[in-house]
N, C-alpha and C. Protein backbone atom coordinates (compact mmCIF):
# COMPACT_ATOMS: atom_id res chain seq x y z
N MET A 1 86.73 148.68 97.35
CA MET A 1 87.06 148.56 98.96
C MET A 1 86.22 147.21 98.54
N ARG A 2 84.80 147.38 98.44
CA ARG A 2 84.50 145.87 98.71
C ARG A 2 85.23 144.51 97.69
N THR A 3 85.70 145.04 96.53
CA THR A 3 86.51 144.25 95.62
C THR A 3 87.92 143.30 96.33
N ARG A 4 88.48 144.07 97.46
CA ARG A 4 89.45 143.88 97.71
C ARG A 4 89.11 143.08 98.77
N LEU A 5 87.35 142.67 99.31
CA LEU A 5 87.22 142.46 100.92
C LEU A 5 86.55 141.01 100.14
N ARG A 6 86.22 140.81 98.58
CA ARG A 6 85.71 140.06 98.03
C ARG A 6 87.36 138.88 97.80
N LEU A 7 88.26 139.60 97.46
CA LEU A 7 89.51 138.59 96.86
C LEU A 7 90.16 138.24 98.66
N GLY A 8 89.62 139.15 99.32
CA GLY A 8 90.33 138.68 100.39
C GLY A 8 89.76 137.11 101.18
N ALA A 9 87.92 137.00 100.69
CA ALA A 9 87.50 136.39 101.34
C ALA A 9 87.60 134.95 100.13
N ALA A 10 87.48 135.18 98.63
CA ALA A 10 87.93 134.10 98.08
C ALA A 10 89.27 133.45 98.76
N THR A 11 90.52 134.19 99.02
CA THR A 11 91.41 133.61 99.37
C THR A 11 91.57 132.80 100.74
N ALA A 12 90.00 133.31 101.56
CA ALA A 12 90.20 132.73 102.83
C ALA A 12 89.30 131.36 102.67
N VAL A 13 88.49 131.36 101.51
CA VAL A 13 87.70 129.98 100.98
C VAL A 13 88.97 128.75 100.34
N GLY A 14 89.83 129.63 99.49
CA GLY A 14 91.04 128.78 99.49
C GLY A 14 91.91 127.93 100.11
N LEU A 15 92.40 129.05 101.24
CA LEU A 15 93.00 128.26 101.89
C LEU A 15 93.05 127.70 102.86
N GLY A 16 90.88 127.83 102.66
CA GLY A 16 90.31 126.53 104.00
C GLY A 16 90.04 125.20 102.98
N ALA A 17 89.81 125.58 101.73
CA ALA A 17 89.84 124.28 101.31
C ALA A 17 91.04 123.22 101.28
N LEU A 18 91.98 124.19 101.50
CA LEU A 18 93.37 123.71 101.03
C LEU A 18 93.95 122.51 102.33
N LEU A 19 93.54 123.35 103.33
CA LEU A 19 93.53 123.14 104.85
C LEU A 19 92.53 121.73 105.02
N LEU A 20 91.61 121.74 104.69
CA LEU A 20 90.67 120.90 104.53
C LEU A 20 91.43 119.63 103.99
N ALA A 21 91.78 119.92 103.00
CA ALA A 21 92.17 118.64 101.86
C ALA A 21 93.50 118.18 102.68
N THR A 22 94.01 118.78 103.46
CA THR A 22 95.09 118.00 103.83
C THR A 22 95.06 117.06 105.08
N VAL A 23 93.42 117.60 106.11
CA VAL A 23 92.92 116.80 107.20
C VAL A 23 92.71 115.45 106.20
N LEU A 24 92.10 115.66 105.83
CA LEU A 24 91.71 114.57 105.29
C LEU A 24 92.70 113.98 104.19
N ALA A 25 93.56 114.18 104.16
CA ALA A 25 94.68 113.08 103.56
C ALA A 25 95.50 112.90 104.62
N SER A 26 95.68 113.61 105.96
CA SER A 26 96.72 113.00 107.08
C SER A 26 96.19 111.31 106.95
N PRO A 27 95.28 111.13 107.22
CA PRO A 27 94.48 110.14 108.16
C PRO A 27 95.41 108.67 107.08
N ALA A 28 94.93 109.20 105.83
CA ALA A 28 95.65 107.84 105.14
C ALA A 28 97.19 107.80 105.52
N LEU A 29 98.49 108.69 105.76
CA LEU A 29 99.80 108.61 105.86
C LEU A 29 99.82 107.80 107.22
N ALA A 30 98.92 108.31 107.93
CA ALA A 30 99.13 107.88 109.55
C ALA A 30 99.08 106.59 109.78
N TRP A 31 98.18 106.07 108.75
CA TRP A 31 98.15 104.29 109.36
C TRP A 31 98.58 103.57 108.53
N HIS A 32 99.94 103.85 108.92
CA HIS A 32 101.09 102.87 108.62
C HIS A 32 102.16 102.88 109.58
N SER A 33 103.21 102.02 109.76
CA SER A 33 104.43 101.45 110.61
C SER A 33 105.39 101.79 110.05
N THR A 34 106.40 102.24 110.84
CA THR A 34 108.17 101.62 110.35
C THR A 34 108.78 100.40 110.80
N ILE A 35 109.53 99.79 110.56
CA ILE A 35 110.36 98.85 111.05
C ILE A 35 111.25 99.16 110.81
N THR A 36 112.58 98.80 111.24
CA THR A 36 114.03 98.82 111.01
C THR A 36 114.39 97.84 111.53
N VAL A 37 115.38 97.02 111.18
CA VAL A 37 116.22 96.28 110.80
C VAL A 37 117.44 96.39 110.79
N THR A 38 118.03 95.14 112.55
CA THR A 38 119.60 95.34 112.08
C THR A 38 119.84 93.72 112.15
N ALA A 39 121.14 93.28 111.99
CA ALA A 39 121.56 91.89 111.60
C ALA A 39 123.11 92.47 112.41
N ARG A 40 123.85 91.44 112.85
CA ARG A 40 125.18 91.71 112.89
C ARG A 40 125.82 89.84 113.63
N CYS A 41 127.06 89.56 114.22
CA CYS A 41 127.15 88.32 113.79
C CYS A 41 127.76 88.44 115.62
N LEU A 42 127.32 87.47 116.28
CA LEU A 42 127.36 87.57 117.98
C LEU A 42 127.72 85.64 118.23
N GLU A 43 128.74 85.69 118.76
CA GLU A 43 129.72 84.50 119.21
C GLU A 43 129.13 83.46 118.44
N GLY A 44 129.46 83.79 117.20
CA GLY A 44 129.36 82.71 116.03
C GLY A 44 127.89 82.50 115.19
N GLN A 45 126.83 83.83 115.81
CA GLN A 45 125.51 83.09 115.53
C GLN A 45 125.03 84.59 114.31
N VAL A 46 123.88 84.91 114.34
CA VAL A 46 123.56 85.79 113.33
C VAL A 46 122.39 85.89 114.46
N ARG A 47 122.73 87.68 115.09
CA ARG A 47 121.36 88.20 115.88
C ARG A 47 120.87 89.62 114.91
N VAL A 48 119.70 88.93 115.04
CA VAL A 48 118.67 89.67 114.52
C VAL A 48 117.69 90.38 115.30
N HIS A 49 117.77 91.88 115.13
CA HIS A 49 117.01 92.80 115.88
C HIS A 49 116.14 93.80 114.79
N TYR A 50 114.53 94.16 115.40
CA TYR A 50 113.87 94.47 115.44
C TYR A 50 112.72 95.36 115.84
N THR A 51 112.63 96.35 115.20
CA THR A 51 111.58 97.74 115.89
C THR A 51 110.63 98.06 114.89
N VAL A 52 110.00 98.03 115.71
CA VAL A 52 108.47 98.19 114.10
C VAL A 52 107.58 99.47 115.75
N ALA A 53 107.58 100.30 114.59
CA ALA A 53 107.14 101.54 115.18
C ALA A 53 105.38 102.49 114.55
N ALA A 54 104.65 102.95 115.23
CA ALA A 54 104.13 103.59 114.70
C ALA A 54 104.25 104.64 114.10
N TRP A 55 103.35 105.12 112.85
CA TRP A 55 104.23 106.38 112.28
C TRP A 55 103.93 107.74 113.19
N GLU A 56 102.92 107.57 113.58
CA GLU A 56 102.78 108.75 115.09
C GLU A 56 103.06 108.26 116.10
N LYS A 57 103.06 109.37 117.22
CA LYS A 57 103.62 109.05 118.19
C LYS A 57 101.97 108.49 119.11
N GLU A 58 101.10 109.15 118.83
CA GLU A 58 99.87 108.35 119.63
C GLU A 58 99.08 108.88 119.00
N GLY A 59 97.55 108.66 119.78
CA GLY A 59 95.95 108.80 118.92
C GLY A 59 95.57 107.43 118.35
N HIS A 60 96.40 106.31 118.43
CA HIS A 60 95.89 105.13 117.24
C HIS A 60 96.91 103.72 118.00
N GLU A 61 95.52 103.40 117.78
CA GLU A 61 96.06 101.93 118.34
C GLU A 61 95.83 100.51 117.45
N ALA A 62 96.48 99.51 117.36
CA ALA A 62 95.98 98.21 116.63
C ALA A 62 96.81 97.12 117.25
N THR A 63 96.38 96.23 116.56
CA THR A 63 97.12 94.99 116.50
C THR A 63 98.15 94.74 115.80
N VAL A 64 99.24 93.88 115.95
CA VAL A 64 100.08 94.03 114.51
C VAL A 64 100.44 92.26 114.55
N ASP A 65 100.22 91.68 113.27
CA ASP A 65 100.87 90.16 112.96
C ASP A 65 101.92 90.29 112.27
N LEU A 66 103.19 90.14 112.91
CA LEU A 66 104.16 90.02 112.72
C LEU A 66 104.91 88.97 111.96
N SER A 67 106.03 89.08 110.89
CA SER A 67 106.82 87.71 109.99
C SER A 67 107.18 88.22 109.06
N TYR A 68 108.73 86.83 109.41
CA TYR A 68 109.89 87.34 108.12
C TYR A 68 109.87 86.64 107.36
N THR A 69 110.17 86.73 106.39
CA THR A 69 111.10 86.04 104.87
C THR A 69 112.76 85.85 104.92
N LEU A 70 112.72 84.59 104.54
CA LEU A 70 114.09 84.50 104.34
C LEU A 70 114.32 83.11 103.78
N ASN A 71 115.17 83.78 102.08
CA ASN A 71 115.38 82.58 101.90
C ASN A 71 113.89 81.73 101.27
N GLY A 72 113.12 82.26 101.06
CA GLY A 72 111.68 82.17 100.40
C GLY A 72 110.88 81.63 101.72
N GLU A 73 111.49 81.35 103.06
CA GLU A 73 111.40 80.83 103.58
C GLU A 73 110.12 82.00 104.61
N GLU A 74 108.71 81.26 105.35
CA GLU A 74 108.40 82.87 105.90
C GLU A 74 108.26 81.99 107.71
N THR A 75 108.55 82.39 108.47
CA THR A 75 108.42 82.87 109.87
C THR A 75 107.14 83.65 110.05
N LYS A 76 106.30 83.00 111.44
CA LYS A 76 105.73 84.28 112.28
C LYS A 76 105.80 84.17 113.60
N LEU A 77 106.18 85.56 113.88
CA LEU A 77 106.81 85.60 115.86
C LEU A 77 105.38 85.99 116.27
N GLN A 78 105.05 85.27 117.17
CA GLN A 78 103.82 85.27 117.96
C GLN A 78 104.47 86.29 119.41
N SER A 79 104.27 87.27 120.01
CA SER A 79 103.89 87.94 121.16
C SER A 79 103.20 88.91 121.61
N ASP A 80 102.68 88.98 122.45
CA ASP A 80 101.64 89.65 123.63
C ASP A 80 102.24 90.67 123.30
N ASP A 81 103.29 91.83 123.12
CA ASP A 81 103.65 92.89 122.81
C ASP A 81 103.62 93.78 121.25
N HIS A 82 102.75 93.02 120.29
CA HIS A 82 102.66 93.55 119.32
C HIS A 82 101.38 94.09 119.13
N PHE A 83 101.76 95.58 119.79
CA PHE A 83 100.37 96.07 119.15
C PHE A 83 100.51 97.47 119.84
N PHE A 84 99.87 98.56 118.81
CA PHE A 84 100.30 99.52 119.34
C PHE A 84 98.50 100.55 120.56
N GLY A 85 99.10 101.14 121.33
CA GLY A 85 98.01 101.42 122.32
C GLY A 85 98.94 102.88 123.17
N PRO A 86 97.86 103.39 123.87
CA PRO A 86 98.63 104.40 124.73
C PRO A 86 99.90 103.96 125.51
N GLN A 87 100.70 104.94 125.23
CA GLN A 87 102.21 104.81 125.76
C GLN A 87 102.98 103.14 125.19
N HIS A 88 102.12 103.12 124.29
CA HIS A 88 102.89 101.60 123.88
C HIS A 88 102.76 101.98 122.67
N ASN A 89 103.61 102.86 121.44
CA ASN A 89 103.76 103.55 120.34
C ASN A 89 104.60 102.55 119.29
N GLN A 90 105.56 101.63 119.96
CA GLN A 90 106.37 100.67 119.11
C GLN A 90 106.94 99.56 120.59
N PHE A 91 107.08 97.84 119.30
CA PHE A 91 107.83 97.32 120.20
C PHE A 91 108.92 96.92 119.30
N SER A 92 109.89 96.37 119.96
CA SER A 92 110.69 95.46 119.38
C SER A 92 111.45 94.34 120.22
N GLY A 93 112.25 93.53 119.23
CA GLY A 93 112.38 91.91 119.95
C GLY A 93 113.81 91.70 119.06
N HIS A 94 114.48 90.15 119.30
CA HIS A 94 115.51 89.62 118.74
C HIS A 94 115.28 88.43 118.62
N PHE A 95 115.83 87.69 117.67
CA PHE A 95 116.72 85.96 117.88
C PHE A 95 117.54 85.98 117.05
N ASP A 96 118.50 84.67 117.33
CA ASP A 96 119.07 84.55 116.36
C ASP A 96 119.50 83.46 115.48
N LEU A 97 119.69 83.39 114.47
CA LEU A 97 120.15 82.23 113.21
C LEU A 97 121.49 81.25 114.01
N PRO A 98 121.30 80.56 112.95
CA PRO A 98 122.13 79.88 112.99
C PRO A 98 123.44 80.37 111.98
N ALA A 99 125.04 80.08 112.84
CA ALA A 99 126.18 80.06 111.96
C ALA A 99 126.09 79.79 110.63
N GLY A 100 126.06 80.62 109.77
CA GLY A 100 126.30 80.41 108.21
C GLY A 100 125.06 81.09 107.30
N THR A 101 124.28 81.08 108.74
CA THR A 101 122.66 81.55 107.56
C THR A 101 123.24 82.63 106.86
N THR A 102 122.75 83.14 105.67
CA THR A 102 122.33 84.65 104.46
C THR A 102 122.04 84.19 104.35
N GLY A 103 121.74 85.95 103.20
CA GLY A 103 120.38 86.25 102.57
C GLY A 103 120.25 87.63 102.87
N THR A 104 119.06 88.13 102.56
CA THR A 104 117.94 88.71 102.76
C THR A 104 117.08 88.50 103.57
N ILE A 105 116.90 89.31 104.81
CA ILE A 105 115.75 89.12 105.07
C ILE A 105 114.67 90.03 105.76
N THR A 106 113.49 90.14 105.29
CA THR A 106 112.15 90.91 104.78
C THR A 106 111.17 90.93 106.03
N PHE A 107 111.45 91.55 106.35
CA PHE A 107 110.06 91.90 107.33
C PHE A 107 108.42 92.39 107.17
N LEU A 108 107.54 91.70 107.25
CA LEU A 108 106.52 92.20 107.20
C LEU A 108 105.48 92.93 108.35
N ALA A 109 104.79 93.58 109.05
CA ALA A 109 103.97 94.45 110.00
C ALA A 109 103.05 94.30 109.18
N VAL A 110 101.75 93.88 109.56
CA VAL A 110 100.48 93.45 108.68
C VAL A 110 99.05 94.79 109.99
N ALA A 111 99.13 96.00 110.05
CA ALA A 111 98.79 96.20 111.53
C ALA A 111 97.15 96.31 111.09
N HIS A 112 96.37 95.96 111.89
CA HIS A 112 94.69 95.94 111.86
C HIS A 112 94.51 97.62 112.69
N TRP A 113 94.15 98.37 112.26
CA TRP A 113 94.21 100.00 113.25
C TRP A 113 92.96 99.70 113.96
N SER A 114 92.35 100.41 115.19
CA SER A 114 90.87 100.44 115.53
C SER A 114 89.96 100.50 114.64
N ASN A 115 90.36 101.86 113.31
CA ASN A 115 89.67 102.38 112.92
C ASN A 115 88.33 101.53 111.44
N GLY A 116 89.27 100.53 111.29
CA GLY A 116 89.00 99.37 110.48
C GLY A 116 90.06 99.80 109.33
N GLU A 117 90.81 100.27 109.09
CA GLU A 117 91.93 100.90 108.45
C GLU A 117 92.98 99.14 108.78
N THR A 118 93.21 98.89 107.59
CA THR A 118 94.44 97.62 107.63
C THR A 118 95.89 97.91 106.82
N SER A 119 97.17 97.47 107.26
CA SER A 119 98.10 98.65 106.09
C SER A 119 99.35 97.28 106.67
N SER A 120 100.30 96.99 105.86
CA SER A 120 100.98 96.35 105.45
C SER A 120 102.43 97.15 104.95
N ASP A 121 103.06 96.84 105.65
CA ASP A 121 104.46 97.62 105.59
C ASP A 121 105.63 96.34 105.74
N GLU A 122 107.02 96.49 105.30
CA GLU A 122 108.24 96.17 105.33
C GLU A 122 109.13 96.57 106.06
N GLY A 123 110.37 95.61 105.77
CA GLY A 123 111.92 96.17 106.23
C GLY A 123 112.69 94.85 105.99
N SER A 124 113.69 95.66 105.70
CA SER A 124 114.80 94.51 105.12
C SER A 124 116.00 94.75 105.41
N LYS A 125 116.73 93.81 105.67
CA LYS A 125 117.94 94.01 105.67
C LYS A 125 119.09 92.67 105.44
N GLU A 126 120.22 92.70 104.84
CA GLU A 126 121.15 92.16 104.45
C GLU A 126 122.04 91.42 105.31
N LEU A 127 121.51 89.84 105.74
CA LEU A 127 122.75 89.28 106.44
C LEU A 127 124.20 89.49 106.60
N PRO A 128 124.69 89.86 107.91
CA PRO A 128 126.09 89.42 107.51
C PRO A 128 126.71 88.10 106.60
N PRO A 129 128.04 88.54 105.66
CA PRO A 129 128.45 87.37 105.36
C PRO A 129 128.58 86.09 106.55
N ALA A 130 128.97 84.58 105.60
CA ALA A 130 129.26 83.49 106.67
C ALA A 130 130.31 84.19 107.17
N ASP A 131 131.48 83.88 106.47
CA ASP A 131 132.97 83.95 107.15
C ASP A 131 133.18 84.94 108.08
N LYS A 132 132.72 86.06 108.00
CA LYS A 132 132.27 87.17 108.56
C LYS A 132 132.05 87.00 110.33
N CYS A 133 130.60 86.08 110.22
CA CYS A 133 130.58 85.26 111.17
C CYS A 133 131.11 84.31 112.01
N GLU A 134 131.57 83.61 111.11
CA GLU A 134 132.41 82.95 111.95
C GLU A 134 134.13 82.85 112.26
N GLU A 135 134.25 84.21 111.76
CA GLU A 135 135.68 85.06 112.46
C GLU A 135 135.33 85.29 113.79
N SER A 136 133.93 85.78 113.94
CA SER A 136 133.46 86.10 115.46
C SER A 136 133.53 85.35 116.59
N THR A 137 133.88 84.00 115.65
CA THR A 137 133.12 82.39 116.53
C THR A 137 134.66 82.70 117.80
N PRO A 138 134.25 82.20 119.25
CA PRO A 138 135.38 82.15 119.98
C PRO A 138 136.15 80.64 119.85
N PRO A 139 137.14 80.59 119.95
CA PRO A 139 137.92 79.47 120.01
C PRO A 139 137.50 78.31 120.91
N SER A 140 137.77 77.18 120.46
CA SER A 140 136.70 76.14 121.46
C SER A 140 138.57 75.85 122.61
N SER A 141 138.24 75.00 123.64
CA SER A 141 138.88 74.70 124.44
C SER A 141 139.86 73.97 124.02
N ALA A 142 139.70 72.71 123.03
CA ALA A 142 141.13 72.31 122.43
C ALA A 142 142.18 73.47 121.75
N GLU A 143 141.68 74.47 121.58
CA GLU A 143 142.28 75.37 120.66
C GLU A 143 142.98 76.36 121.59
N GLN A 144 142.24 76.96 122.62
CA GLN A 144 142.81 77.29 123.98
C GLN A 144 144.48 76.81 124.27
N PRO A 145 145.09 78.27 124.53
CA PRO A 145 146.43 77.75 125.42
C PRO A 145 146.05 76.94 126.40
N PRO A 146 146.75 76.50 127.15
CA PRO A 146 146.64 75.69 128.26
C PRO A 146 146.74 76.96 129.48
N PRO A 147 146.26 77.02 131.03
CA PRO A 147 145.66 78.40 131.29
C PRO A 147 147.41 78.26 132.40
N PRO A 148 147.80 79.25 132.75
CA PRO A 148 149.48 78.80 133.32
C PRO A 148 148.86 78.25 134.51
N PRO A 149 150.00 77.62 135.43
CA PRO A 149 149.78 77.01 136.65
C PRO A 149 149.32 77.70 138.03
N SER A 150 148.80 77.42 138.81
CA SER A 150 148.28 78.30 139.55
C SER A 150 147.56 77.54 140.71
N THR A 151 147.74 77.69 141.84
CA THR A 151 148.01 76.92 143.31
C THR A 151 146.08 77.21 143.79
N ALA A 152 145.57 78.32 143.17
CA ALA A 152 144.26 79.14 144.33
C ALA A 152 143.35 78.58 142.80
N GLU A 153 142.35 77.63 143.26
CA GLU A 153 141.57 76.93 142.78
C GLU A 153 140.32 78.38 141.93
N ARG A 154 140.59 78.32 140.29
CA ARG A 154 139.54 78.96 139.25
C ARG A 154 137.88 78.65 140.07
N PRO A 155 137.44 79.48 140.14
CA PRO A 155 135.92 79.50 140.13
C PRO A 155 135.30 78.89 138.34
N ALA A 156 134.35 77.56 138.45
CA ALA A 156 133.59 77.34 137.30
C ALA A 156 133.30 78.05 136.24
N THR A 157 133.64 77.90 135.12
CA THR A 157 132.51 79.16 134.55
C THR A 157 131.51 78.48 133.68
N THR A 158 130.48 78.94 133.15
CA THR A 158 128.65 78.66 132.68
C THR A 158 128.66 78.73 131.47
N ALA A 159 128.89 78.29 130.61
CA ALA A 159 128.11 79.29 128.92
C ALA A 159 126.86 79.36 129.22
N SER A 160 126.23 80.62 128.21
CA SER A 160 124.58 81.03 128.29
C SER A 160 124.73 80.33 126.84
N THR A 161 123.20 80.02 126.57
CA THR A 161 123.39 78.97 125.37
C THR A 161 121.36 80.07 124.78
N VAL A 162 121.46 80.23 123.77
CA VAL A 162 120.57 80.77 123.10
C VAL A 162 119.45 79.81 121.99
N ALA A 163 118.73 79.81 122.39
CA ALA A 163 118.09 78.86 121.63
C ALA A 163 117.75 79.34 119.83
N VAL A 164 118.10 78.72 118.98
CA VAL A 164 117.47 79.20 117.73
C VAL A 164 116.47 79.48 117.22
N GLY A 165 116.41 80.73 116.87
CA GLY A 165 115.13 81.04 116.21
C GLY A 165 114.81 81.19 117.02
N ALA A 166 114.48 81.11 118.53
CA ALA A 166 113.27 81.65 119.48
C ALA A 166 113.39 82.98 119.12
N ALA A 167 112.20 83.26 119.19
CA ALA A 167 112.43 84.99 119.25
C ALA A 167 112.07 85.76 121.25
N SER A 168 111.96 86.56 121.19
CA SER A 168 111.89 87.21 122.41
C SER A 168 111.85 88.95 122.05
N SER A 169 110.58 89.64 122.45
CA SER A 169 110.31 90.76 122.09
C SER A 169 110.12 91.35 123.99
N THR A 170 110.68 92.96 123.52
CA THR A 170 109.88 93.81 124.27
C THR A 170 109.64 95.29 124.42
N THR A 171 109.18 95.81 124.77
CA THR A 171 108.71 96.74 124.81
C THR A 171 109.43 97.96 124.88
N GLY A 172 109.19 98.68 123.95
CA GLY A 172 110.30 99.71 123.37
C GLY A 172 109.70 101.08 125.07
N ALA A 173 111.00 101.46 125.63
CA ALA A 173 111.19 102.35 126.59
C ALA A 173 110.87 103.82 125.68
N GLY A 174 111.83 104.01 125.29
CA GLY A 174 111.73 105.01 124.45
C GLY A 174 110.49 105.47 123.54
N GLU A 175 110.17 107.32 123.24
CA GLU A 175 109.27 107.19 122.34
C GLU A 175 109.61 107.77 121.17
N LEU A 176 108.80 107.81 120.10
CA LEU A 176 109.51 108.19 118.79
C LEU A 176 109.25 109.64 118.50
N PRO A 177 109.90 110.61 118.11
CA PRO A 177 109.85 111.87 117.97
C PRO A 177 108.63 112.22 117.66
N PHE A 178 107.71 113.26 117.90
CA PHE A 178 106.48 113.62 117.70
C PHE A 178 106.90 114.54 116.23
N THR A 179 105.84 113.53 115.00
CA THR A 179 105.87 113.56 113.82
C THR A 179 104.83 114.40 113.27
N GLY A 180 103.63 114.07 113.88
CA GLY A 180 102.62 114.83 113.43
C GLY A 180 101.39 115.76 114.60
N SER A 181 101.18 116.16 114.31
CA SER A 181 100.04 116.81 115.13
C SER A 181 98.50 116.44 115.30
N THR A 182 97.89 116.67 116.00
CA THR A 182 96.56 116.68 115.71
C THR A 182 95.57 117.19 115.39
N ALA A 183 94.66 116.33 114.04
CA ALA A 183 93.84 116.97 113.29
C ALA A 183 92.78 117.96 113.20
N GLY A 184 92.32 118.11 114.93
CA GLY A 184 91.63 118.61 114.88
C GLY A 184 91.43 120.08 114.89
N PRO A 185 92.53 121.03 115.08
CA PRO A 185 92.35 122.38 114.91
C PRO A 185 92.35 122.87 113.65
N MET A 186 93.50 121.90 112.81
CA MET A 186 93.52 122.12 111.70
C MET A 186 91.74 122.17 110.46
N LEU A 187 91.11 120.99 111.15
CA LEU A 187 90.08 120.87 110.85
C LEU A 187 89.16 121.98 110.96
N VAL A 188 88.96 123.12 112.30
CA VAL A 188 88.33 123.77 112.50
C VAL A 188 88.83 125.23 111.76
N ALA A 189 89.92 124.66 111.70
CA ALA A 189 90.63 126.43 111.04
C ALA A 189 90.15 126.02 109.38
N GLY A 190 89.82 125.48 108.80
CA GLY A 190 89.39 124.84 107.32
C GLY A 190 88.03 125.05 106.87
N ILE A 191 87.11 125.01 107.98
CA ILE A 191 85.85 124.92 108.09
C ILE A 191 85.93 126.53 108.52
N ALA A 192 86.24 127.09 109.29
CA ALA A 192 85.68 128.52 109.59
C ALA A 192 86.36 129.42 108.63
N LEU A 193 87.73 129.02 107.63
CA LEU A 193 87.92 129.69 106.74
C LEU A 193 87.02 129.99 105.43
N VAL A 194 86.48 127.99 105.29
CA VAL A 194 85.48 128.75 104.08
C VAL A 194 84.42 128.78 104.81
N GLY A 195 83.73 128.27 105.81
CA GLY A 195 82.73 128.74 106.06
C GLY A 195 82.59 130.61 105.48
N GLY A 196 83.09 130.85 106.57
CA GLY A 196 83.49 132.79 107.01
C GLY A 196 83.20 132.97 105.42
N GLY A 197 84.51 132.49 104.42
CA GLY A 197 84.58 133.51 103.34
C GLY A 197 83.06 133.06 102.18
N ILE A 198 83.13 132.19 102.23
CA ILE A 198 81.54 131.57 101.50
C ILE A 198 80.42 132.53 102.10
N LEU A 199 80.60 132.90 103.47
CA LEU A 199 79.31 133.94 104.37
C LEU A 199 79.58 135.39 103.75
N PHE A 200 79.88 135.76 103.28
CA PHE A 200 81.11 136.88 103.42
C PHE A 200 80.54 137.52 101.62
N LEU A 201 80.84 136.37 100.97
CA LEU A 201 80.36 136.55 99.75
C LEU A 201 79.19 136.66 99.67
N MET A 202 78.51 135.91 100.23
CA MET A 202 76.58 135.70 99.93
C MET A 202 76.62 136.85 100.26
N VAL A 203 76.72 137.31 101.63
CA VAL A 203 76.33 139.32 101.88
C VAL A 203 76.45 139.86 101.38
N SER A 204 78.01 139.61 100.83
CA SER A 204 78.32 140.94 99.57
C SER A 204 77.77 141.23 98.63
N ARG A 205 77.24 140.21 98.15
CA ARG A 205 76.36 139.91 96.78
C ARG A 205 74.79 140.11 96.90
N VAL A 206 74.45 140.43 97.97
CA VAL A 206 73.10 140.62 98.83
C VAL A 206 72.93 142.03 98.96
N ARG A 207 73.94 142.50 98.93
CA ARG A 207 73.90 144.00 99.38
C ARG A 207 74.14 144.36 98.29
N ASP A 208 74.95 144.06 97.23
CA ASP A 208 74.81 144.68 95.98
C ASP A 208 73.62 144.51 95.34
N ARG A 209 72.88 143.43 95.01
CA ARG A 209 71.54 143.92 94.63
C ARG A 209 70.47 144.52 95.43
N GLN A 210 70.89 144.49 97.00
CA GLN A 210 69.52 146.07 97.01
C GLN A 210 70.21 146.79 96.72
N ALA A 211 71.72 147.04 96.72
CA ALA A 211 72.11 148.72 96.25
C ALA A 211 71.79 149.03 94.94
N THR A 212 71.31 148.03 94.20
CA THR A 212 70.79 148.55 92.42
C THR A 212 69.73 148.62 92.41
N ARG A 213 68.77 147.77 93.33
CA ARG A 213 67.74 148.11 93.04
C ARG A 213 66.91 149.82 93.37
């Protein structure tokens, strides 16, 4: 009977040690961010959209330095929204590149976490071919056929322009799916298993010594 109890205590110690190892390793996994990049043709230009998100949904705060590299040239993106905090676990933005821009664009997010850790994560995307964006360019007024005659006066239309290379960032309204859990319960359970198992083994040995006297 005592042998079984000792085996159970030893198993509890092993499980507790495994839980503690998992809890101690999880912070290292949590201190990073994920970067999603998309690129498409839009009115003859290349629209690049990015989203930077914390690995876990909540419980982390950091300021993020964001930049991208394209054809060997690095560009830093400045915005007050580049941070992680309560109810702000991700941020996103977009900018336009000139027509004919090709290559692989690589984003680098350097997060400075509130616990002193620093993480560097990358996300890349191949830009669409130049001829593809040229095909999506709307025809100029000279190439368009003349409008049919009409006695009614047509309202004048204005074309909106986008500053090339200008970055605009917006806070992500949606939240990431919950990929992690708080480490508190696991830490308590691990300590309880290890401590309880060791205590039981010590008490059992003391009783055995007393019984042999």
